[in-house]
Amino acid sequence: MGERKVLNKYYPPDFDPAKIPRRRQLKNQQMKVRMMLPMSIRCATCGTYIYKGTKFNSRKEDVIGETYLGIQIFRFYFKCTKCSAEVTIKTDPQNSDYIVESGASRNFEPWRGEEEAAEKEKKKRETEELGDAMKSLENRALDSKQDMDILSALEEMRSMKSRHATVSYDVMLETLKRSAYEKHLVLAVKMQVSQCKL
């Protein structure tokens, strides 16, 4: 009874682990796995939105013939929560992400498009600069001009902030009171002038 919480079990001195019979598994055997959905998707059959973090009992299998730098790619099968249509996703180790293969469509993620566009622009620029020294020089000149514009805008913002920081609320209120008083005096004078003309 006291042995149930022990982490290390007793192994006799003549124990040989090589004599334990091995269980043979098929190459592409599917395993049942409990997983959370890694992204928001929409079922292609019923149109139900299934959100990121929804838990599923899924079947996992190795994708035969596909690896990325020696990393095995896995495919997951699970059912829609509403219509029980089968949805298939697989891992994408190249982009550290998942790909929806069938049964659903991935919801639009605006930050993903921005990242991909920036990456494409960077690759395009590198390929342009690779063989052309003038293009490389032009790009560096554009970068330095852009940096100078940013610095001048920042300096302008700093000077504006320092000007606003020197303004005192008491002085500002006093000025407003004085201008209101002067307007009141001007109106009073105009009224007296108009009464005198009558």
N, C-alpha and C. Protein backbone atom coordinates (compact mmCIF):
# COMPACT_ATOMS: atom_id res chain seq x y z
N MET A 1 0.83 -1.19 0.00
CA MET A 1 0.00 0.00 0.00
C MET A 1 0.87 1.25 0.00
N GLY A 2 1.98 1.24 0.70
CA GLY A 2 2.86 2.40 0.75
C GLY A 2 3.63 2.58 -0.54
N GLU A 3 3.64 1.56 -1.40
CA GLU A 3 4.42 1.60 -2.62
C GLU A 3 3.76 2.41 -3.72
N ARG A 4 2.50 2.71 -3.62
CA ARG A 4 1.78 3.31 -4.74
C ARG A 4 2.25 4.72 -5.08
N LYS A 5 2.85 5.45 -4.14
CA LYS A 5 3.33 6.81 -4.42
C LYS A 5 4.81 6.86 -4.76
N VAL A 6 5.46 5.73 -4.80
CA VAL A 6 6.89 5.69 -5.07
C VAL A 6 7.13 5.90 -6.55
N LEU A 7 8.12 6.74 -6.88
CA LEU A 7 8.41 7.00 -8.29
C LEU A 7 9.29 5.91 -8.89
N ASN A 8 10.22 5.36 -8.12
CA ASN A 8 11.12 4.33 -8.63
C ASN A 8 10.64 2.96 -8.18
N LYS A 9 10.49 2.06 -9.11
CA LYS A 9 10.08 0.69 -8.79
C LYS A 9 11.33 -0.18 -8.63
N TYR A 10 11.13 -1.32 -8.01
CA TYR A 10 12.24 -2.25 -7.80
C TYR A 10 12.47 -3.06 -9.07
N TYR A 11 13.74 -3.10 -9.50
CA TYR A 11 14.13 -3.95 -10.62
C TYR A 11 15.11 -4.98 -10.10
N PRO A 12 14.81 -6.24 -10.31
CA PRO A 12 15.74 -7.28 -9.83
C PRO A 12 17.07 -7.21 -10.57
N PRO A 13 18.14 -7.73 -9.96
CA PRO A 13 19.47 -7.64 -10.58
C PRO A 13 19.57 -8.41 -11.89
N ASP A 14 18.76 -9.44 -12.08
CA ASP A 14 18.86 -10.21 -13.33
C ASP A 14 17.87 -9.69 -14.39
N PHE A 15 17.34 -8.49 -14.24
CA PHE A 15 16.37 -7.94 -15.19
C PHE A 15 17.06 -7.54 -16.48
N ASP A 16 16.50 -7.98 -17.61
CA ASP A 16 17.03 -7.65 -18.92
C ASP A 16 15.91 -7.03 -19.76
N PRO A 17 15.97 -5.72 -20.05
CA PRO A 17 14.88 -5.08 -20.80
C PRO A 17 14.78 -5.58 -22.24
N ALA A 18 15.84 -6.19 -22.77
CA ALA A 18 15.79 -6.69 -24.15
C ALA A 18 14.85 -7.88 -24.27
N LYS A 19 14.55 -8.56 -23.15
CA LYS A 19 13.67 -9.73 -23.20
C LYS A 19 12.18 -9.36 -23.20
N ILE A 20 11.87 -8.07 -22.98
CA ILE A 20 10.47 -7.64 -22.99
C ILE A 20 9.97 -7.66 -24.44
N PRO A 21 8.87 -8.34 -24.71
CA PRO A 21 8.38 -8.38 -26.09
C PRO A 21 7.91 -7.01 -26.56
N ARG A 22 8.32 -6.64 -27.77
CA ARG A 22 7.96 -5.34 -28.34
C ARG A 22 6.63 -5.45 -29.07
N ARG A 23 5.85 -4.39 -28.93
CA ARG A 23 4.57 -4.34 -29.64
C ARG A 23 4.82 -3.71 -31.00
N ARG A 24 4.51 -4.40 -32.06
CA ARG A 24 4.72 -3.89 -33.42
C ARG A 24 3.53 -3.04 -33.84
N GLN A 25 3.84 -1.81 -34.32
CA GLN A 25 2.79 -0.92 -34.80
C GLN A 25 2.92 -0.75 -36.30
N LEU A 26 1.80 -0.48 -36.94
CA LEU A 26 1.81 -0.23 -38.37
C LEU A 26 2.50 1.11 -38.64
N LYS A 27 3.00 1.26 -39.87
CA LYS A 27 3.74 2.47 -40.21
C LYS A 27 2.85 3.71 -40.11
N ASN A 28 1.66 3.65 -40.69
CA ASN A 28 0.80 4.83 -40.72
C ASN A 28 -0.43 4.62 -39.85
N GLN A 29 -0.24 4.17 -38.65
CA GLN A 29 -1.36 3.94 -37.75
C GLN A 29 -1.83 5.27 -37.17
N GLN A 30 -3.15 5.43 -37.09
CA GLN A 30 -3.70 6.65 -36.53
C GLN A 30 -3.80 6.54 -35.02
N MET A 31 -3.49 7.66 -34.34
CA MET A 31 -3.59 7.71 -32.88
C MET A 31 -4.71 8.67 -32.51
N LYS A 32 -5.37 8.40 -31.40
CA LYS A 32 -6.37 9.33 -30.91
C LYS A 32 -5.67 10.33 -29.99
N VAL A 33 -5.88 11.62 -30.27
CA VAL A 33 -5.20 12.68 -29.56
C VAL A 33 -6.23 13.74 -29.16
N ARG A 34 -6.09 14.27 -27.96
CA ARG A 34 -6.92 15.39 -27.52
C ARG A 34 -6.14 16.66 -27.82
N MET A 35 -6.71 17.55 -28.61
CA MET A 35 -5.98 18.76 -29.01
C MET A 35 -6.90 19.97 -29.03
N MET A 36 -6.29 21.15 -29.03
CA MET A 36 -7.02 22.40 -29.16
C MET A 36 -6.78 22.93 -30.57
N LEU A 37 -7.80 23.55 -31.11
CA LEU A 37 -7.70 24.09 -32.46
C LEU A 37 -6.71 25.26 -32.47
N PRO A 38 -5.71 25.25 -33.35
CA PRO A 38 -4.69 26.29 -33.32
C PRO A 38 -5.08 27.60 -34.00
N MET A 39 -6.22 27.63 -34.71
CA MET A 39 -6.65 28.86 -35.37
C MET A 39 -8.17 28.82 -35.55
N SER A 40 -8.76 29.96 -35.82
CA SER A 40 -10.20 30.02 -36.04
C SER A 40 -10.51 29.58 -37.47
N ILE A 41 -11.53 28.73 -37.62
CA ILE A 41 -11.91 28.23 -38.94
C ILE A 41 -13.42 28.32 -39.10
N ARG A 42 -13.88 28.12 -40.33
CA ARG A 42 -15.31 28.08 -40.63
C ARG A 42 -15.59 26.79 -41.38
N CYS A 43 -16.56 26.03 -40.90
CA CYS A 43 -16.91 24.75 -41.51
C CYS A 43 -17.45 25.00 -42.92
N ALA A 44 -16.97 24.22 -43.89
CA ALA A 44 -17.41 24.37 -45.28
C ALA A 44 -18.80 23.79 -45.49
N THR A 45 -19.25 22.88 -44.64
CA THR A 45 -20.55 22.24 -44.82
C THR A 45 -21.68 23.08 -44.25
N CYS A 46 -21.58 23.46 -42.98
CA CYS A 46 -22.68 24.17 -42.32
C CYS A 46 -22.39 25.64 -42.06
N GLY A 47 -21.16 26.09 -42.23
CA GLY A 47 -20.83 27.51 -42.04
C GLY A 47 -20.60 27.90 -40.59
N THR A 48 -20.51 26.94 -39.68
CA THR A 48 -20.29 27.24 -38.27
C THR A 48 -18.85 27.72 -38.06
N TYR A 49 -18.72 28.77 -37.25
CA TYR A 49 -17.39 29.24 -36.88
C TYR A 49 -16.90 28.44 -35.69
N ILE A 50 -15.70 27.88 -35.81
CA ILE A 50 -15.09 27.13 -34.72
C ILE A 50 -13.85 27.93 -34.32
N TYR A 51 -13.82 28.34 -33.06
CA TYR A 51 -12.83 29.31 -32.62
C TYR A 51 -11.55 28.65 -32.13
N LYS A 52 -10.49 29.44 -32.14
CA LYS A 52 -9.18 29.00 -31.66
C LYS A 52 -9.30 28.59 -30.19
N GLY A 53 -8.73 27.45 -29.85
CA GLY A 53 -8.75 26.97 -28.47
C GLY A 53 -9.86 25.98 -28.20
N THR A 54 -10.71 25.69 -29.20
CA THR A 54 -11.76 24.69 -29.01
C THR A 54 -11.11 23.32 -28.91
N LYS A 55 -11.52 22.52 -27.91
CA LYS A 55 -10.90 21.21 -27.71
C LYS A 55 -11.61 20.15 -28.54
N PHE A 56 -10.82 19.24 -29.10
CA PHE A 56 -11.33 18.17 -29.93
C PHE A 56 -10.63 16.87 -29.59
N ASN A 57 -11.35 15.76 -29.78
CA ASN A 57 -10.70 14.45 -29.86
C ASN A 57 -10.43 14.23 -31.34
N SER A 58 -9.18 14.15 -31.71
CA SER A 58 -8.84 14.03 -33.13
C SER A 58 -7.99 12.79 -33.36
N ARG A 59 -7.90 12.43 -34.63
CA ARG A 59 -7.02 11.33 -35.04
C ARG A 59 -5.79 11.95 -35.68
N LYS A 60 -4.62 11.44 -35.27
CA LYS A 60 -3.35 11.98 -35.78
C LYS A 60 -2.64 10.89 -36.57
N GLU A 61 -2.09 11.28 -37.72
CA GLU A 61 -1.29 10.34 -38.52
C GLU A 61 -0.10 11.08 -39.12
N ASP A 62 0.93 10.32 -39.46
CA ASP A 62 2.08 10.89 -40.15
C ASP A 62 1.72 11.09 -41.61
N VAL A 63 2.19 12.20 -42.19
CA VAL A 63 2.00 12.43 -43.62
C VAL A 63 3.17 11.74 -44.32
N ILE A 64 2.86 10.71 -45.10
CA ILE A 64 3.91 9.91 -45.75
C ILE A 64 4.49 10.68 -46.93
N GLY A 65 5.80 10.74 -46.98
CA GLY A 65 6.49 11.37 -48.09
C GLY A 65 6.70 12.87 -47.94
N GLU A 66 6.24 13.47 -46.86
CA GLU A 66 6.43 14.90 -46.65
C GLU A 66 7.18 15.14 -45.35
N THR A 67 8.30 15.81 -45.45
CA THR A 67 9.04 16.26 -44.27
C THR A 67 9.60 17.64 -44.59
N TYR A 68 10.00 18.36 -43.56
CA TYR A 68 10.65 19.65 -43.75
C TYR A 68 11.92 19.64 -42.91
N LEU A 69 13.06 19.60 -43.57
CA LEU A 69 14.37 19.55 -42.91
C LEU A 69 14.43 18.44 -41.87
N GLY A 70 13.86 17.29 -42.20
CA GLY A 70 13.88 16.15 -41.30
C GLY A 70 12.78 16.16 -40.26
N ILE A 71 11.94 17.19 -40.23
CA ILE A 71 10.83 17.26 -39.27
C ILE A 71 9.61 16.59 -39.88
N GLN A 72 9.04 15.66 -39.15
CA GLN A 72 7.87 14.94 -39.64
C GLN A 72 6.65 15.85 -39.63
N ILE A 73 5.83 15.75 -40.67
CA ILE A 73 4.59 16.52 -40.78
C ILE A 73 3.44 15.61 -40.39
N PHE A 74 2.51 16.12 -39.57
CA PHE A 74 1.37 15.34 -39.09
C PHE A 74 0.07 15.89 -39.66
N ARG A 75 -0.90 14.99 -39.79
CA ARG A 75 -2.24 15.35 -40.24
C ARG A 75 -3.22 15.02 -39.13
N PHE A 76 -4.18 15.92 -38.88
CA PHE A 76 -5.19 15.73 -37.85
C PHE A 76 -6.58 15.71 -38.48
N TYR A 77 -7.40 14.75 -38.05
CA TYR A 77 -8.79 14.66 -38.49
C TYR A 77 -9.68 14.91 -37.28
N PHE A 78 -10.66 15.80 -37.41
CA PHE A 78 -11.65 15.99 -36.34
C PHE A 78 -12.97 16.38 -36.96
N LYS A 79 -14.01 16.40 -36.14
CA LYS A 79 -15.37 16.64 -36.63
C LYS A 79 -15.84 18.03 -36.24
N CYS A 80 -16.69 18.62 -37.09
CA CYS A 80 -17.32 19.91 -36.81
C CYS A 80 -18.22 19.75 -35.58
N THR A 81 -18.29 20.79 -34.76
CA THR A 81 -19.07 20.71 -33.53
C THR A 81 -20.57 20.69 -33.80
N LYS A 82 -21.01 21.20 -34.95
CA LYS A 82 -22.44 21.28 -35.23
C LYS A 82 -22.93 20.18 -36.16
N CYS A 83 -22.25 19.99 -37.31
CA CYS A 83 -22.78 19.05 -38.31
C CYS A 83 -21.99 17.75 -38.40
N SER A 84 -20.94 17.61 -37.63
CA SER A 84 -20.10 16.41 -37.60
C SER A 84 -19.42 16.10 -38.93
N ALA A 85 -19.22 17.12 -39.76
CA ALA A 85 -18.45 16.93 -41.00
C ALA A 85 -16.98 16.86 -40.63
N GLU A 86 -16.23 16.05 -41.37
CA GLU A 86 -14.82 15.87 -41.03
C GLU A 86 -13.97 17.01 -41.58
N VAL A 87 -13.09 17.53 -40.73
CA VAL A 87 -12.17 18.61 -41.09
C VAL A 87 -10.75 18.07 -40.94
N THR A 88 -9.89 18.43 -41.89
CA THR A 88 -8.52 17.94 -41.89
C THR A 88 -7.55 19.13 -41.88
N ILE A 89 -6.60 19.10 -40.94
CA ILE A 89 -5.53 20.10 -40.93
C ILE A 89 -4.20 19.36 -40.83
N LYS A 90 -3.13 20.02 -41.28
CA LYS A 90 -1.80 19.42 -41.13
C LYS A 90 -0.81 20.47 -40.70
N THR A 91 0.27 20.00 -40.11
CA THR A 91 1.29 20.92 -39.59
C THR A 91 2.10 21.51 -40.73
N ASP A 92 2.62 22.72 -40.50
CA ASP A 92 3.46 23.42 -41.46
C ASP A 92 4.70 23.93 -40.72
N PRO A 93 5.71 23.07 -40.51
CA PRO A 93 6.87 23.49 -39.72
C PRO A 93 7.70 24.59 -40.38
N GLN A 94 7.59 24.76 -41.68
CA GLN A 94 8.35 25.80 -42.35
C GLN A 94 7.93 27.19 -41.87
N ASN A 95 6.62 27.38 -41.66
CA ASN A 95 6.10 28.67 -41.20
C ASN A 95 5.67 28.64 -39.74
N SER A 96 5.95 27.55 -39.03
CA SER A 96 5.53 27.36 -37.63
C SER A 96 4.03 27.58 -37.51
N ASP A 97 3.28 26.88 -38.33
CA ASP A 97 1.85 27.11 -38.42
C ASP A 97 1.14 25.81 -38.80
N TYR A 98 -0.15 25.92 -39.11
CA TYR A 98 -0.97 24.80 -39.57
C TYR A 98 -1.64 25.18 -40.88
N ILE A 99 -1.97 24.17 -41.69
CA ILE A 99 -2.67 24.38 -42.96
C ILE A 99 -3.98 23.62 -42.89
N VAL A 100 -5.09 24.29 -43.26
CA VAL A 100 -6.38 23.63 -43.33
C VAL A 100 -6.45 22.94 -44.69
N GLU A 101 -6.55 21.61 -44.68
CA GLU A 101 -6.56 20.87 -45.94
C GLU A 101 -7.95 20.75 -46.53
N SER A 102 -8.92 20.28 -45.75
CA SER A 102 -10.25 20.08 -46.31
C SER A 102 -11.31 20.21 -45.23
N GLY A 103 -12.54 20.47 -45.66
CA GLY A 103 -13.68 20.51 -44.76
C GLY A 103 -13.92 21.84 -44.09
N ALA A 104 -13.00 22.80 -44.23
CA ALA A 104 -13.16 24.10 -43.59
C ALA A 104 -12.28 25.12 -44.29
N SER A 105 -12.47 26.37 -43.93
CA SER A 105 -11.61 27.44 -44.44
C SER A 105 -11.13 28.27 -43.26
N ARG A 106 -9.92 28.73 -43.36
CA ARG A 106 -9.32 29.51 -42.28
C ARG A 106 -9.89 30.93 -42.30
N ASN A 107 -10.18 31.48 -41.13
CA ASN A 107 -10.68 32.85 -41.06
C ASN A 107 -9.58 33.83 -41.41
N PHE A 108 -9.98 34.99 -41.93
CA PHE A 108 -9.03 36.02 -42.34
C PHE A 108 -8.35 36.61 -41.13
N GLU A 109 -7.03 36.71 -41.20
CA GLU A 109 -6.23 37.30 -40.13
C GLU A 109 -5.41 38.42 -40.75
N PRO A 110 -5.77 39.69 -40.47
CA PRO A 110 -5.13 40.81 -41.18
C PRO A 110 -3.63 40.91 -40.94
N TRP A 111 -3.16 40.56 -39.74
CA TRP A 111 -1.71 40.69 -39.47
C TRP A 111 -0.90 39.70 -40.29
N ARG A 112 -1.50 38.56 -40.67
CA ARG A 112 -0.79 37.56 -41.47
C ARG A 112 -0.47 38.13 -42.85
N GLY A 113 -1.40 38.85 -43.46
CA GLY A 113 -1.18 39.44 -44.78
C GLY A 113 -0.09 40.51 -44.74
N GLU A 114 -0.08 41.31 -43.68
CA GLU A 114 0.93 42.35 -43.56
C GLU A 114 2.33 41.75 -43.44
N GLU A 115 2.45 40.69 -42.62
CA GLU A 115 3.75 40.04 -42.44
C GLU A 115 4.24 39.42 -43.75
N GLU A 116 3.32 38.77 -44.47
CA GLU A 116 3.71 38.14 -45.73
C GLU A 116 4.11 39.18 -46.77
N ALA A 117 3.38 40.31 -46.83
CA ALA A 117 3.71 41.37 -47.78
C ALA A 117 5.07 41.97 -47.47
N ALA A 118 5.36 42.20 -46.19
CA ALA A 118 6.66 42.75 -45.80
C ALA A 118 7.78 41.77 -46.14
N GLU A 119 7.54 40.48 -45.92
CA GLU A 119 8.55 39.47 -46.24
C GLU A 119 8.81 39.41 -47.74
N LYS A 120 7.75 39.47 -48.56
CA LYS A 120 7.90 39.45 -50.02
C LYS A 120 8.68 40.67 -50.50
N GLU A 121 8.35 41.84 -49.93
CA GLU A 121 9.03 43.08 -50.31
C GLU A 121 10.52 42.99 -49.98
N LYS A 122 10.84 42.43 -48.82
CA LYS A 122 12.24 42.30 -48.40
C LYS A 122 12.99 41.35 -49.34
N LYS A 123 12.37 40.21 -49.69
CA LYS A 123 13.02 39.27 -50.61
C LYS A 123 13.21 39.88 -51.99
N LYS A 124 12.19 40.62 -52.46
CA LYS A 124 12.27 41.26 -53.77
C LYS A 124 13.42 42.26 -53.80
N ARG A 125 13.54 43.04 -52.73
CA ARG A 125 14.61 44.03 -52.65
C ARG A 125 15.98 43.37 -52.64
N GLU A 126 16.11 42.27 -51.89
CA GLU A 126 17.40 41.56 -51.83
C GLU A 126 17.79 40.99 -53.18
N THR A 127 16.81 40.44 -53.92
CA THR A 127 17.13 39.89 -55.24
C THR A 127 17.51 41.01 -56.22
N GLU A 128 16.86 42.19 -56.11
CA GLU A 128 17.22 43.32 -56.97
C GLU A 128 18.65 43.78 -56.70
N GLU A 129 19.01 43.84 -55.41
CA GLU A 129 20.31 44.37 -55.02
C GLU A 129 21.45 43.38 -55.27
N LEU A 130 21.10 42.11 -55.45
CA LEU A 130 22.12 41.08 -55.54
C LEU A 130 23.11 41.34 -56.68
N GLY A 131 22.63 41.68 -57.86
CA GLY A 131 23.54 41.86 -58.98
C GLY A 131 23.74 43.30 -59.39
N ASP A 132 23.00 44.23 -58.82
CA ASP A 132 23.03 45.63 -59.26
C ASP A 132 23.51 46.53 -58.12
N ALA A 133 24.72 47.06 -58.27
CA ALA A 133 25.29 47.92 -57.23
C ALA A 133 24.58 49.27 -57.18
N MET A 134 24.15 49.78 -58.34
CA MET A 134 23.45 51.07 -58.37
C MET A 134 22.11 50.98 -57.66
N LYS A 135 21.41 49.88 -57.85
CA LYS A 135 20.11 49.70 -57.18
C LYS A 135 20.31 49.64 -55.67
N SER A 136 21.38 48.98 -55.25
CA SER A 136 21.70 48.90 -53.82
C SER A 136 21.97 50.30 -53.26
N LEU A 137 22.71 51.10 -54.00
CA LEU A 137 23.01 52.47 -53.57
C LEU A 137 21.74 53.32 -53.51
N GLU A 138 20.87 53.18 -54.52
CA GLU A 138 19.60 53.92 -54.53
C GLU A 138 18.74 53.55 -53.33
N ASN A 139 18.66 52.26 -53.03
CA ASN A 139 17.85 51.81 -51.88
C ASN A 139 18.40 52.36 -50.57
N ARG A 140 19.73 52.37 -50.44
CA ARG A 140 20.32 52.92 -49.22
C ARG A 140 20.05 54.42 -49.10
N ALA A 141 20.09 55.14 -50.24
CA ALA A 141 19.80 56.58 -50.23
C ALA A 141 18.34 56.81 -49.84
N LEU A 142 17.42 56.00 -50.36
CA LEU A 142 16.01 56.13 -49.99
C LEU A 142 15.81 55.85 -48.50
N ASP A 143 16.51 54.83 -48.00
CA ASP A 143 16.41 54.51 -46.56
C ASP A 143 16.89 55.67 -45.70
N SER A 144 18.03 56.26 -46.07
CA SER A 144 18.56 57.37 -45.28
C SER A 144 17.64 58.59 -45.36
N LYS A 145 17.04 58.84 -46.54
CA LYS A 145 16.09 59.96 -46.67
C LYS A 145 14.87 59.72 -45.79
N GLN A 146 14.38 58.49 -45.79
CA GLN A 146 13.22 58.15 -44.96
C GLN A 146 13.55 58.32 -43.47
N ASP A 147 14.75 57.89 -43.07
CA ASP A 147 15.18 58.06 -41.68
C ASP A 147 15.26 59.54 -41.31
N MET A 148 15.78 60.38 -42.23
CA MET A 148 15.88 61.82 -41.97
C MET A 148 14.49 62.43 -41.82
N ASP A 149 13.53 62.01 -42.66
CA ASP A 149 12.16 62.52 -42.55
C ASP A 149 11.54 62.14 -41.21
N ILE A 150 11.77 60.92 -40.79
CA ILE A 150 11.24 60.46 -39.51
C ILE A 150 11.84 61.26 -38.36
N LEU A 151 13.17 61.49 -38.41
CA LEU A 151 13.83 62.26 -37.36
C LEU A 151 13.34 63.71 -37.31
N SER A 152 13.12 64.32 -38.49
CA SER A 152 12.64 65.71 -38.50
C SER A 152 11.22 65.79 -37.96
N ALA A 153 10.37 64.82 -38.30
CA ALA A 153 9.01 64.80 -37.75
C ALA A 153 9.03 64.61 -36.25
N LEU A 154 9.93 63.76 -35.77
CA LEU A 154 10.06 63.54 -34.34
C LEU A 154 10.54 64.81 -33.63
N GLU A 155 11.50 65.50 -34.22
CA GLU A 155 12.00 66.75 -33.64
C GLU A 155 10.91 67.81 -33.60
N GLU A 156 10.10 67.87 -34.65
CA GLU A 156 8.99 68.82 -34.68
C GLU A 156 7.97 68.52 -33.58
N MET A 157 7.68 67.24 -33.38
CA MET A 157 6.75 66.85 -32.32
C MET A 157 7.31 67.20 -30.95
N ARG A 158 8.62 67.02 -30.76
CA ARG A 158 9.24 67.35 -29.48
C ARG A 158 9.17 68.85 -29.20
N SER A 159 9.44 69.65 -30.23
CA SER A 159 9.39 71.11 -30.02
C SER A 159 7.97 71.56 -29.74
N MET A 160 6.99 70.97 -30.41
CA MET A 160 5.59 71.31 -30.15
C MET A 160 5.19 70.94 -28.73
N LYS A 161 5.66 69.79 -28.29
CA LYS A 161 5.35 69.35 -26.93
C LYS A 161 5.99 70.28 -25.90
N SER A 162 7.22 70.72 -26.16
CA SER A 162 7.89 71.62 -25.21
C SER A 162 7.19 72.97 -25.17
N ARG A 163 6.67 73.46 -26.32
CA ARG A 163 5.92 74.71 -26.33
C ARG A 163 4.65 74.59 -25.50
N HIS A 164 3.95 73.46 -25.65
CA HIS A 164 2.72 73.25 -24.90
C HIS A 164 3.01 73.04 -23.42
N ALA A 165 4.18 72.52 -23.11
CA ALA A 165 4.52 72.27 -21.71
C ALA A 165 4.78 73.57 -20.96
N THR A 166 5.22 74.64 -21.68
CA THR A 166 5.51 75.91 -21.01
C THR A 166 4.25 76.70 -20.70
N VAL A 167 3.14 76.39 -21.34
CA VAL A 167 1.89 77.11 -21.11
C VAL A 167 1.34 76.70 -19.75
N SER A 168 1.05 77.71 -18.92
CA SER A 168 0.49 77.46 -17.60
C SER A 168 -1.03 77.58 -17.66
N TYR A 169 -1.72 76.73 -16.93
CA TYR A 169 -3.17 76.77 -16.93
C TYR A 169 -3.69 78.06 -16.27
N ASP A 170 -3.00 78.54 -15.25
CA ASP A 170 -3.42 79.77 -14.58
C ASP A 170 -3.33 80.96 -15.53
N VAL A 171 -2.22 81.04 -16.28
CA VAL A 171 -2.04 82.14 -17.23
C VAL A 171 -3.10 82.06 -18.32
N MET A 172 -3.37 80.84 -18.78
CA MET A 172 -4.36 80.65 -19.84
C MET A 172 -5.75 81.07 -19.36
N LEU A 173 -6.13 80.70 -18.14
CA LEU A 173 -7.44 81.07 -17.59
C LEU A 173 -7.53 82.59 -17.40
N GLU A 174 -6.44 83.20 -16.94
CA GLU A 174 -6.42 84.66 -16.75
C GLU A 174 -6.61 85.37 -18.09
N THR A 175 -5.96 84.87 -19.14
CA THR A 175 -6.09 85.46 -20.48
C THR A 175 -7.53 85.33 -20.97
N LEU A 176 -8.13 84.17 -20.76
CA LEU A 176 -9.53 83.98 -21.18
C LEU A 176 -10.47 84.91 -20.42
N LYS A 177 -10.24 85.08 -19.12
CA LYS A 177 -11.08 85.99 -18.33
C LYS A 177 -10.93 87.42 -18.83
N ARG A 178 -9.69 87.83 -19.12
CA ARG A 178 -9.43 89.19 -19.59
C ARG A 178 -10.12 89.43 -20.93
N SER A 179 -10.01 88.45 -21.85
CA SER A 179 -10.64 88.63 -23.16
C SER A 179 -12.17 88.66 -23.03
N ALA A 180 -12.73 87.85 -22.14
CA ALA A 180 -14.18 87.89 -21.91
C ALA A 180 -14.60 89.23 -21.31
N TYR A 181 -13.80 89.76 -20.41
CA TYR A 181 -14.10 91.05 -19.79
C TYR A 181 -14.05 92.17 -20.82
N GLU A 182 -13.02 92.10 -21.71
CA GLU A 182 -12.90 93.11 -22.76
C GLU A 182 -14.08 93.05 -23.72
N LYS A 183 -14.53 91.85 -24.08
CA LYS A 183 -15.69 91.71 -24.96
C LYS A 183 -16.93 92.29 -24.28
N HIS A 184 -17.06 92.05 -22.99
CA HIS A 184 -18.19 92.56 -22.24
C HIS A 184 -18.18 94.09 -22.22
N LEU A 185 -16.98 94.69 -22.05
CA LEU A 185 -16.86 96.15 -22.08
C LEU A 185 -17.22 96.72 -23.44
N VAL A 186 -16.75 96.06 -24.51
CA VAL A 186 -17.03 96.52 -25.87
C VAL A 186 -18.54 96.49 -26.12
N LEU A 187 -19.21 95.43 -25.69
CA LEU A 187 -20.67 95.33 -25.85
C LEU A 187 -21.38 96.42 -25.06
N ALA A 188 -20.91 96.69 -23.87
CA ALA A 188 -21.54 97.72 -23.04
C ALA A 188 -21.39 99.10 -23.69
N VAL A 189 -20.21 99.38 -24.26
CA VAL A 189 -19.97 100.66 -24.93
C VAL A 189 -20.87 100.79 -26.16
N LYS A 190 -21.01 99.71 -26.93
CA LYS A 190 -21.85 99.73 -28.12
C LYS A 190 -23.31 99.98 -27.74
N MET A 191 -23.75 99.38 -26.65
CA MET A 191 -25.14 99.58 -26.21
C MET A 191 -25.36 101.03 -25.79
N GLN A 192 -24.39 101.65 -25.11
CA GLN A 192 -24.54 103.05 -24.68
C GLN A 192 -24.55 103.98 -25.89
N VAL A 193 -23.72 103.66 -26.90
CA VAL A 193 -23.67 104.47 -28.10
C VAL A 193 -25.00 104.38 -28.84
N SER A 194 -25.55 103.15 -28.93
CA SER A 194 -26.83 102.96 -29.63
C SER A 194 -27.96 103.66 -28.90
N GLN A 195 -27.93 103.71 -27.56
CA GLN A 195 -28.97 104.38 -26.78
C GLN A 195 -28.86 105.90 -26.93
N CYS A 196 -27.63 106.39 -27.08
CA CYS A 196 -27.44 107.82 -27.24
C CYS A 196 -27.98 108.30 -28.58
N LYS A 197 -27.88 107.47 -29.60
CA LYS A 197 -28.35 107.84 -30.94
C LYS A 197 -29.87 107.90 -30.97
N LEU A 198 -30.52 107.14 -30.12
CA LEU A 198 -31.98 107.14 -30.10
C LEU A 198 -32.46 108.38 -29.43
